[in-house]
C-alpha atoms as a PDB file:
ATOM      1  CA  MET A   1     142.226  99.859-166.190  1.00  0.00           C
ATOM      2  CA  LYS A   2     140.335  98.128-163.416  1.00  0.00           C
ATOM      3  CA  TRP A   3     139.400  99.261-159.908  1.00  0.00           C
ATOM      4  CA  THR A   4     141.405  97.674-157.098  1.00  0.00           C
ATOM      5  CA  LYS A   5     141.418  98.023-153.320  1.00  0.00           C
ATOM      6  CA  GLU A   6     145.227  97.816-153.315  1.00  0.00           C
ATOM      7  CA  LYS A   7     146.730 101.169-152.373  1.00  0.00           C
ATOM      8  CA  PRO A   8     149.091 102.803-154.883  1.00  0.00           C
ATOM      9  CA  THR A   9     152.734 101.935-154.290  1.00  0.00           C
ATOM     10  CA  LYS A  10     154.317 104.526-156.582  1.00  0.00           C
ATOM     11  CA  GLY A  11     153.698 108.182-157.258  1.00  0.00           C
ATOM     12  CA  GLY A  12     151.550 109.579-160.035  1.00  0.00           C
ATOM     13  CA  TRP A  13     147.964 110.418-160.982  1.00  0.00           C
ATOM     14  CA  TYR A  14     145.280 107.886-160.019  1.00  0.00           C
ATOM     15  CA  TRP A  15     141.528 107.517-160.266  1.00  0.00           C
ATOM     16  CA  MET A  16     140.017 107.141-156.773  1.00  0.00           C
ATOM     17  CA  ILE A  17     136.491 106.252-155.697  1.00  0.00           C
ATOM     18  CA  LYS A  18     135.238 105.724-152.144  1.00  0.00           C
ATOM     19  CA  ASP A  19     134.339 102.148-151.308  1.00  0.00           C
ATOM     20  CA  ARG A  20     130.528 101.898-151.079  1.00  0.00           C
ATOM     21  CA  GLU A  21     130.560 100.303-147.619  1.00  0.00           C
ATOM     22  CA  TYR A  22     132.231 103.438-146.171  1.00  0.00           C
ATOM     23  CA  GLN A  23     130.068 106.147-147.705  1.00  0.00           C
ATOM     24  CA  PHE A  24     126.728 107.576-146.680  1.00  0.00           C
ATOM     25  CA  GLU A  25     125.383 108.481-150.108  1.00  0.00           C
ATOM     26  CA  ALA A  26     124.218 105.860-152.625  1.00  0.00           C
ATOM     27  CA  SER A  27     127.045 106.500-155.065  1.00  0.00           C
ATOM     28  CA  SER A  28     130.407 108.189-155.103  1.00  0.00           C
ATOM     29  CA  VAL A  29     131.885 110.384-157.795  1.00  0.00           C
ATOM     30  CA  PRO A  30     135.289 109.168-159.012  1.00  0.00           C
ATOM     31  CA  ARG A  31     138.056 111.759-158.872  1.00  0.00           C
ATOM     32  CA  ILE A  32     141.667 112.023-159.887  1.00  0.00           C
ATOM     33  CA  GLU A  33     144.280 112.371-157.131  1.00  0.00           C
ATOM     34  CA  PHE A  34     148.034 112.927-157.261  1.00  0.00           C
ATOM     35  CA  ILE A  35     149.863 110.388-155.084  1.00  0.00           C
ATOM     36  CA  ARG A  36     153.360 111.100-153.799  1.00  0.00           C
ATOM     37  CA  GLU A  37     155.752 109.795-151.194  1.00  0.00           C
ATOM     38  CA  TYR A  38     155.782 111.947-148.059  1.00  0.00           C
ATOM     39  CA  GLY A  39     157.414 110.974-144.777  1.00  0.00           C
ATOM     40  CA  GLY A  40     158.049 107.451-146.052  1.00  0.00           C
ATOM     41  CA  LYS A  41     154.371 106.855-146.907  1.00  0.00           C
ATOM     42  CA  MET A  42     152.273 107.230-150.056  1.00  0.00           C
ATOM     43  CA  CYS A  43     150.088 110.320-149.592  1.00  0.00           C
ATOM     44  CA  ILE A  44     147.590 112.726-151.137  1.00  0.00           C
ATOM     45  CA  LEU A  45     149.170 116.099-150.360  1.00  0.00           C
ATOM     46  CA  ASN A  46     150.502 115.412-146.826  1.00  0.00           C
ATOM     47  CA  TRP A  47     147.833 112.890-145.763  1.00  0.00           C
ATOM     48  CA  GLU A  48     148.177 109.132-145.924  1.00  0.00           C
ATOM     49  CA  ILE A  49     145.950 107.659-148.627  1.00  0.00           C
ATOM     50  CA  PRO A  50     142.675 106.198-147.316  1.00  0.00           C
ATOM     51  CA  SER A  51     142.211 102.462-146.994  1.00  0.00           C
ATOM     52  CA  HIS A  52     138.464 102.703-147.741  1.00  0.00           C
ATOM     53  CA  ALA A  53     138.878 103.528-151.426  1.00  0.00           C
ATOM     54  CA  LYS A  54     139.334 101.838-154.778  1.00  0.00           C
ATOM     55  CA  TRP A  55     142.116 102.859-157.144  1.00  0.00           C
ATOM     56  CA  ALA A  56     142.927 102.735-160.859  1.00  0.00           C
ATOM     57  CA  GLY A  57     146.245 103.878-162.248  1.00  0.00           C
ATOM     58  CA  PRO A  58     148.710 105.345-162.473  1.00  0.00           C
ATOM     59  CA  ILE A  59     147.283 107.366-165.341  1.00  0.00           C
ATOM     60  CA  PRO A  60     149.898 108.007-168.063  1.00  0.00           C
ATOM     61  CA  GLU A  61     150.631 111.662-168.751  1.00  0.00           C
ATOM     62  CA  PRO A  62     149.681 112.988-172.205  1.00  0.00           C
ATOM     63  CA  GLU A  63     152.411 113.351-174.796  1.00  0.00           C
ATOM     64  CA  GLU A  64     153.296 116.717-176.320  1.00  0.00           C
ATOM     65  CA  ASP A  65     152.606 117.330-180.027  1.00  0.00           C
END
């Protein structure tokens, strides 16, 4: 996987990190977010996904034993 500034276009789990030019601290901690369609837009919960972030994914779900 590689980081990209392109917003996710389909639902699923994604790595997200804030773009350095939009943050106050020296580094940002990557986190995993669930992206879904809500009101015709791709969202985290009910909020439109930020444009000042980098994305990697979708992350495949683990398989059962």
